[in-house]
Amino acid sequence: MGVVVRFDYTAWLAMFPEFTATVNPTQAASYFQIATSVHRNDGGGPVNDPATQSNLLNYLTGHIAALFSAPAPGQQPSTLVGRVASATQGSVSVQAAYSNNVSEQMAWFIQTKYGALYWTATAPFRTMRYAPNRNPGVVSSRPFGGPRGFGV
């Protein structure tokens, strides 16, 4: 049904060169592993094209890198959760909104431009799929394809 792809640090950096100075290959591989816990990469997901699967996981890896890595060498990662809702300069004030008329799931993704890209690109895979029961006399205990559902 789905496909499995391997993480390619060089291709990921070509997509997102802004991480060159702040995310090393080991960190990026770890972020990719985290991404696979959000987006299935075990061959059972709904994405059948390897290029699409790779792009989606790269977007998600970028999102996780943006959330957890430092913005520049020598700096600490941000502890801000949510998107910046408002900011002032005099006496420095920042307000973050985790959810503003969006679902909680969407709110997590739209914290970064990479997550927003992932959210938008996965729209076709977040729709209901009807799978008719091939054995009308048998009731399935896993109607959505297993313990992880459709996986996106």
Protein backbone atom coordinates (compact mmCIF):
# COMPACT_ATOMS: atom_id res chain seq x y z
CA MET A 1 0.00 0.00 0.00
CA GLY A 2 2.48 2.71 1.12
CA VAL A 3 6.21 3.16 0.65
CA VAL A 4 9.28 3.34 2.88
CA VAL A 5 12.01 5.93 2.31
CA ARG A 6 15.39 6.53 3.91
CA PHE A 7 16.54 9.86 5.26
CA ASP A 8 19.01 11.71 3.03
CA TYR A 9 20.70 14.51 4.98
CA THR A 10 22.23 16.08 1.85
CA ALA A 11 18.87 16.21 0.04
CA TRP A 12 17.20 17.59 3.18
CA LEU A 13 19.80 20.37 3.46
CA ALA A 14 19.37 21.15 -0.23
CA MET A 15 15.67 21.67 0.52
CA PHE A 16 16.28 23.65 3.69
CA PRO A 17 19.79 25.21 3.63
CA GLU A 18 18.92 27.40 6.62
CA PHE A 19 19.65 24.37 8.85
CA THR A 20 23.24 23.92 7.57
CA ALA A 21 24.87 25.70 10.53
CA THR A 22 22.51 24.48 13.25
CA VAL A 23 21.50 20.85 12.57
CA ASN A 24 24.17 18.19 12.14
CA PRO A 25 23.55 14.82 10.41
CA THR A 26 23.00 12.96 13.69
CA GLN A 27 20.45 15.49 14.94
CA ALA A 28 18.67 15.53 11.57
CA ALA A 29 18.47 11.72 11.55
CA SER A 30 16.95 11.85 15.04
CA TYR A 31 14.42 14.46 13.92
CA PHE A 32 13.57 12.22 10.95
CA GLN A 33 12.92 9.32 13.36
CA ILE A 34 10.59 11.55 15.36
CA ALA A 35 8.88 12.53 12.10
CA THR A 36 8.21 8.85 11.35
CA SER A 37 6.29 8.58 14.61
CA VAL A 38 3.92 11.26 13.27
CA HIS A 39 3.88 10.20 9.61
CA ARG A 40 4.01 6.48 8.79
CA ASN A 41 7.12 5.29 6.99
CA ASP A 42 6.62 1.55 7.38
CA GLY A 43 4.96 0.76 4.06
CA GLY A 44 1.47 0.80 5.54
CA GLY A 45 0.55 4.45 5.04
CA PRO A 46 -1.51 6.03 2.29
CA VAL A 47 1.41 7.57 0.34
CA ASN A 48 2.37 5.38 -2.62
CA ASP A 49 4.94 7.61 -4.34
CA PRO A 50 8.51 7.55 -2.94
CA ALA A 51 9.19 11.18 -3.97
CA THR A 52 6.03 12.38 -2.23
CA GLN A 53 6.80 10.30 0.87
CA SER A 54 10.34 11.69 1.00
CA ASN A 55 9.14 15.28 0.57
CA LEU A 56 6.49 14.94 3.27
CA LEU A 57 8.95 13.46 5.74
CA ASN A 58 11.50 16.15 4.87
CA TYR A 59 8.91 18.87 5.54
CA LEU A 60 8.05 17.25 8.86
CA THR A 61 11.73 16.83 9.75
CA GLY A 62 12.20 20.54 9.03
CA HIS A 63 9.26 21.34 11.30
CA ILE A 64 10.73 19.30 14.14
CA ALA A 65 14.19 20.79 13.57
CA ALA A 66 12.71 24.30 13.71
CA LEU A 67 10.96 23.48 16.98
CA PHE A 68 13.91 21.80 18.71
CA SER A 69 17.15 23.18 17.30
CA ALA A 70 18.80 26.50 18.02
CA PRO A 71 18.12 29.34 15.56
CA ALA A 72 21.87 30.05 15.27
CA PRO A 73 25.11 28.49 16.55
CA GLY A 74 25.67 29.24 20.22
CA GLN A 75 22.03 30.08 20.90
CA GLN A 76 19.44 28.03 22.75
CA PRO A 77 16.32 26.57 21.10
CA SER A 78 13.16 28.60 21.66
CA THR A 79 10.83 27.50 24.44
CA LEU A 80 7.92 29.37 22.86
CA VAL A 81 4.97 27.11 22.08
CA GLY A 82 2.56 28.24 19.37
CA ARG A 83 2.66 30.89 16.71
CA VAL A 84 3.49 34.47 17.57
CA ALA A 85 0.12 36.22 17.87
CA SER A 86 1.48 39.67 18.68
CA ALA A 87 4.77 41.37 19.49
CA THR A 88 5.91 44.80 20.60
CA GLN A 89 9.39 46.25 20.69
CA GLY A 90 9.42 48.78 23.55
CA SER A 91 9.88 46.80 26.79
CA VAL A 92 9.74 43.62 24.65
CA SER A 93 6.44 41.78 24.69
CA VAL A 94 5.54 38.60 22.82
CA GLN A 95 2.27 36.71 22.92
CA ALA A 96 1.91 33.22 21.50
CA ALA A 97 -1.33 31.54 20.53
CA TYR A 98 -1.35 27.77 20.26
CA SER A 99 -4.76 27.58 18.68
CA ASN A 100 -6.71 30.34 17.00
CA ASN A 101 -9.86 28.94 15.37
CA VAL A 102 -8.01 25.86 14.11
CA SER A 103 -7.95 22.27 15.31
CA GLU A 104 -5.38 21.34 17.93
CA GLN A 105 -3.74 19.01 15.43
CA MET A 106 -3.43 21.76 12.82
CA ALA A 107 -2.19 24.23 15.44
CA TRP A 108 0.84 22.05 16.17
CA PHE A 109 1.82 21.97 12.51
CA ILE A 110 1.31 25.64 11.68
CA GLN A 111 3.82 26.77 14.31
CA THR A 112 6.46 26.74 11.57
CA LYS A 113 6.48 27.27 7.82
CA TYR A 114 7.70 23.70 7.39
CA GLY A 115 4.82 22.29 9.41
CA ALA A 116 2.34 24.45 7.51
CA LEU A 117 3.76 23.09 4.27
CA TYR A 118 3.43 19.52 5.60
CA TRP A 119 -0.15 20.17 6.74
CA THR A 120 -1.13 21.56 3.35
CA ALA A 121 0.64 18.81 1.39
CA THR A 122 -0.99 16.02 3.42
CA ALA A 123 -4.56 17.28 2.87
CA PRO A 124 -5.32 14.61 0.23
CA PHE A 125 -4.23 11.89 2.67
CA ARG A 126 -6.35 13.12 5.59
CA THR A 127 -9.68 12.20 4.08
CA MET A 128 -11.99 9.36 4.98
CA ARG A 129 -11.52 6.19 2.98
CA TYR A 130 -14.31 3.69 2.62
CA ALA A 131 -13.16 0.09 2.69
CA PRO A 132 -16.07 -2.28 2.07
CA ASN A 133 -16.23 -5.39 4.20
CA ARG A 134 -15.30 -8.28 1.92
CA ASN A 135 -16.78 -10.79 4.33
CA PRO A 136 -20.22 -9.41 5.27
CA GLY A 137 -20.70 -12.09 7.93
CA VAL A 138 -17.47 -11.18 9.76
CA VAL A 139 -17.06 -8.04 11.85
CA SER A 140 -13.48 -6.75 11.82
CA SER A 141 -11.90 -5.74 15.11
CA ARG A 142 -9.62 -3.32 13.20
CA PRO A 143 -11.86 -1.53 10.70
CA PHE A 144 -9.25 1.10 9.76
CA GLY A 145 -6.34 -1.08 8.78
CA GLY A 146 -4.71 -1.82 12.10
CA PRO A 147 -3.73 -0.25 15.38
CA ARG A 148 -2.28 2.90 13.76
CA GLY A 149 -5.17 3.63 11.43
CA PHE A 150 -4.31 5.30 8.15
CA GLY A 151 -1.19 6.85 9.58
CA VAL A 152 -1.16 10.50 8.58
